[in-house]
Amino acid sequence: MAKDNYLKNYRKILFDFRDSYKLKISDIEFLFFVYDIKSFTANDVVKNYKSSNSFITRNLPELLNKGYIKIYLERDHNRARKYMISQQGKLLVTRFYRLLKESNYAF
């Protein structure tokens, strides 16, 4: 078996995280997307992340309430609210990556 197949156990770990953290799969994948972005607006998500409008109206506020993202800059005049991934969100993604890498050597 190839030693560099980190995605071999992606689905297993993804579903484990979904159940353990009470998140939707789309929420976890969104955290992957914003992991290395300093800040983003809802409009940035619409333009750059393939998601439905309901993701912006339902999932984004839910991730904010659960503490996985936070407000980086509040809305002001013509400027949209900016968000960023929180420390809690970064730790979740880092743990996911670590488990992917470790699970590759479990076989």
C-alpha atoms as a PDB file:
ATOM      1  CA  MET A   1       0.000   0.000   0.000  1.00  0.00           C
ATOM      2  CA  ALA A   2       1.271   3.473  -0.837  1.00  0.00           C
ATOM      3  CA  LYS A   3       2.401   5.414   2.217  1.00  0.00           C
ATOM      4  CA  ASP A   4       1.269   8.801   0.872  1.00  0.00           C
ATOM      5  CA  ASN A   5      -2.450   8.077   0.505  1.00  0.00           C
ATOM      6  CA  TYR A   6      -3.596  10.473   3.241  1.00  0.00           C
ATOM      7  CA  LEU A   7      -7.131  10.604   1.882  1.00  0.00           C
ATOM      8  CA  LYS A   8      -7.672   6.855   2.269  1.00  0.00           C
ATOM      9  CA  ASN A   9      -9.517   7.377   5.576  1.00  0.00           C
ATOM     10  CA  TYR A  10     -10.975  10.806   4.808  1.00  0.00           C
ATOM     11  CA  ARG A  11     -14.619   9.709   4.947  1.00  0.00           C
ATOM     12  CA  LYS A  12     -14.220   7.718   8.150  1.00  0.00           C
ATOM     13  CA  ILE A  13     -12.550  10.635   9.939  1.00  0.00           C
ATOM     14  CA  LEU A  14     -15.016  13.112   8.419  1.00  0.00           C
ATOM     15  CA  PHE A  15     -18.010  11.181   9.744  1.00  0.00           C
ATOM     16  CA  ASP A  16     -16.318  10.704  13.133  1.00  0.00           C
ATOM     17  CA  PHE A  17     -15.825  14.484  13.356  1.00  0.00           C
ATOM     18  CA  ARG A  18     -19.402  15.117  12.245  1.00  0.00           C
ATOM     19  CA  ASP A  19     -20.694  12.942  15.073  1.00  0.00           C
ATOM     20  CA  SER A  20     -18.176  14.008  17.732  1.00  0.00           C
ATOM     21  CA  TYR A  21     -18.437  17.749  17.157  1.00  0.00           C
ATOM     22  CA  LYS A  22     -22.130  17.822  16.147  1.00  0.00           C
ATOM     23  CA  LEU A  23     -21.305  19.598  12.874  1.00  0.00           C
ATOM     24  CA  LYS A  24     -22.554  19.124   9.349  1.00  0.00           C
ATOM     25  CA  ILE A  25     -20.104  17.761   6.789  1.00  0.00           C
ATOM     26  CA  SER A  26     -20.498  21.020   4.862  1.00  0.00           C
ATOM     27  CA  ASP A  27     -19.456  22.932   8.015  1.00  0.00           C
ATOM     28  CA  ILE A  28     -16.280  20.892   8.423  1.00  0.00           C
ATOM     29  CA  GLU A  29     -15.389  21.269   4.747  1.00  0.00           C
ATOM     30  CA  PHE A  30     -16.017  25.017   5.007  1.00  0.00           C
ATOM     31  CA  LEU A  31     -13.570  25.206   7.922  1.00  0.00           C
ATOM     32  CA  PHE A  32     -10.994  23.519   5.656  1.00  0.00           C
ATOM     33  CA  PHE A  33     -11.637  26.255   3.082  1.00  0.00           C
ATOM     34  CA  VAL A  34     -11.207  29.203   5.469  1.00  0.00           C
ATOM     35  CA  TYR A  35      -8.381  27.654   7.515  1.00  0.00           C
ATOM     36  CA  ASP A  36      -5.631  29.696   5.828  1.00  0.00           C
ATOM     37  CA  ILE A  37      -7.643  32.846   5.060  1.00  0.00           C
ATOM     38  CA  LYS A  38      -7.061  35.854   7.333  1.00  0.00           C
ATOM     39  CA  SER A  39     -10.630  37.147   6.967  1.00  0.00           C
ATOM     40  CA  PHE A  40     -13.640  36.795   4.680  1.00  0.00           C
ATOM     41  CA  THR A  41     -17.075  38.254   4.078  1.00  0.00           C
ATOM     42  CA  ALA A  42     -20.297  36.438   3.248  1.00  0.00           C
ATOM     43  CA  ASN A  43     -19.886  37.777  -0.291  1.00  0.00           C
ATOM     44  CA  ASP A  44     -16.402  36.198  -0.499  1.00  0.00           C
ATOM     45  CA  VAL A  45     -17.977  32.866   0.438  1.00  0.00           C
ATOM     46  CA  VAL A  46     -20.621  33.221  -2.274  1.00  0.00           C
ATOM     47  CA  LYS A  47     -17.978  34.049  -4.894  1.00  0.00           C
ATOM     48  CA  ASN A  48     -15.208  31.622  -3.950  1.00  0.00           C
ATOM     49  CA  TYR A  49     -16.807  28.706  -2.142  1.00  0.00           C
ATOM     50  CA  LYS A  50     -19.308  26.512  -3.940  1.00  0.00           C
ATOM     51  CA  SER A  51     -22.289  26.670  -1.607  1.00  0.00           C
ATOM     52  CA  SER A  52     -25.948  27.545  -1.574  1.00  0.00           C
ATOM     53  CA  ASN A  53     -27.363  30.799  -0.243  1.00  0.00           C
ATOM     54  CA  SER A  54     -28.808  28.864   2.668  1.00  0.00           C
ATOM     55  CA  PHE A  55     -25.249  28.082   3.746  1.00  0.00           C
ATOM     56  CA  ILE A  56     -24.702  31.810   4.334  1.00  0.00           C
ATOM     57  CA  THR A  57     -28.004  32.298   6.161  1.00  0.00           C
ATOM     58  CA  ARG A  58     -27.997  29.056   8.192  1.00  0.00           C
ATOM     59  CA  ASN A  59     -24.558  27.528   8.513  1.00  0.00           C
ATOM     60  CA  LEU A  60     -22.441  30.646   8.915  1.00  0.00           C
ATOM     61  CA  PRO A  61     -24.436  31.946  11.927  1.00  0.00           C
ATOM     62  CA  GLU A  62     -24.433  28.436  13.413  1.00  0.00           C
ATOM     63  CA  LEU A  63     -20.629  28.171  13.093  1.00  0.00           C
ATOM     64  CA  LEU A  64     -20.384  31.603  14.701  1.00  0.00           C
ATOM     65  CA  ASN A  65     -22.641  30.559  17.612  1.00  0.00           C
ATOM     66  CA  LYS A  66     -20.657  27.345  18.141  1.00  0.00           C
ATOM     67  CA  GLY A  67     -17.388  29.308  18.212  1.00  0.00           C
ATOM     68  CA  TYR A  68     -15.721  27.862  15.100  1.00  0.00           C
ATOM     69  CA  ILE A  69     -15.625  31.222  13.370  1.00  0.00           C
ATOM     70  CA  LYS A  70     -15.709  34.717  14.858  1.00  0.00           C
ATOM     71  CA  ILE A  71     -16.290  38.268  13.770  1.00  0.00           C
ATOM     72  CA  TYR A  72     -13.064  39.883  12.630  1.00  0.00           C
ATOM     73  CA  LEU A  73     -14.498  43.323  11.813  1.00  0.00           C
ATOM     74  CA  GLU A  74     -18.058  44.447  12.447  1.00  0.00           C
ATOM     75  CA  ARG A  75     -20.158  45.880   9.625  1.00  0.00           C
ATOM     76  CA  ASP A  76     -19.786  49.646   9.203  1.00  0.00           C
ATOM     77  CA  HIS A  77     -21.317  52.048   6.652  1.00  0.00           C
ATOM     78  CA  ASN A  78     -20.694  50.430   3.245  1.00  0.00           C
ATOM     79  CA  ARG A  79     -18.315  47.799   4.562  1.00  0.00           C
ATOM     80  CA  ALA A  80     -19.568  44.234   5.046  1.00  0.00           C
ATOM     81  CA  ARG A  81     -18.947  42.265   8.231  1.00  0.00           C
ATOM     82  CA  LYS A  82     -15.718  40.269   8.091  1.00  0.00           C
ATOM     83  CA  TYR A  83     -15.274  36.881   9.695  1.00  0.00           C
ATOM     84  CA  MET A  84     -12.281  34.709  10.507  1.00  0.00           C
ATOM     85  CA  ILE A  85     -11.762  31.151  11.661  1.00  0.00           C
ATOM     86  CA  SER A  86     -11.412  31.027  15.452  1.00  0.00           C
ATOM     87  CA  GLN A  87      -8.736  29.238  17.453  1.00  0.00           C
ATOM     88  CA  GLN A  88     -11.295  26.491  18.140  1.00  0.00           C
ATOM     89  CA  GLY A  89     -11.888  26.111  14.387  1.00  0.00           C
ATOM     90  CA  LYS A  90      -8.156  26.019  13.646  1.00  0.00           C
ATOM     91  CA  LEU A  91      -7.621  23.342  16.290  1.00  0.00           C
ATOM     92  CA  LEU A  92     -10.403  21.212  14.766  1.00  0.00           C
ATOM     93  CA  VAL A  93      -8.851  21.408  11.278  1.00  0.00           C
ATOM     94  CA  THR A  94      -5.344  20.752  12.618  1.00  0.00           C
ATOM     95  CA  ARG A  95      -6.597  17.700  14.499  1.00  0.00           C
ATOM     96  CA  PHE A  96      -8.358  16.438  11.378  1.00  0.00           C
ATOM     97  CA  TYR A  97      -5.154  16.772   9.315  1.00  0.00           C
ATOM     98  CA  ARG A  98      -3.124  15.040  12.021  1.00  0.00           C
ATOM     99  CA  LEU A  99      -5.559  12.114  12.197  1.00  0.00           C
ATOM    100  CA  LEU A 100      -5.512  11.784   8.403  1.00  0.00           C
ATOM    101  CA  LYS A 101      -1.742  11.570   8.442  1.00  0.00           C
ATOM    102  CA  GLU A 102      -1.613   9.163  11.389  1.00  0.00           C
ATOM    103  CA  SER A 103      -4.327   6.904   9.982  1.00  0.00           C
ATOM    104  CA  ASN A 104      -2.232   6.481   6.843  1.00  0.00           C
ATOM    105  CA  TYR A 105       0.346   4.552   8.875  1.00  0.00           C
ATOM    106  CA  ALA A 106      -2.182   2.419  10.764  1.00  0.00           C
ATOM    107  CA  PHE A 107      -2.292  -0.221   8.026  1.00  0.00           C
END
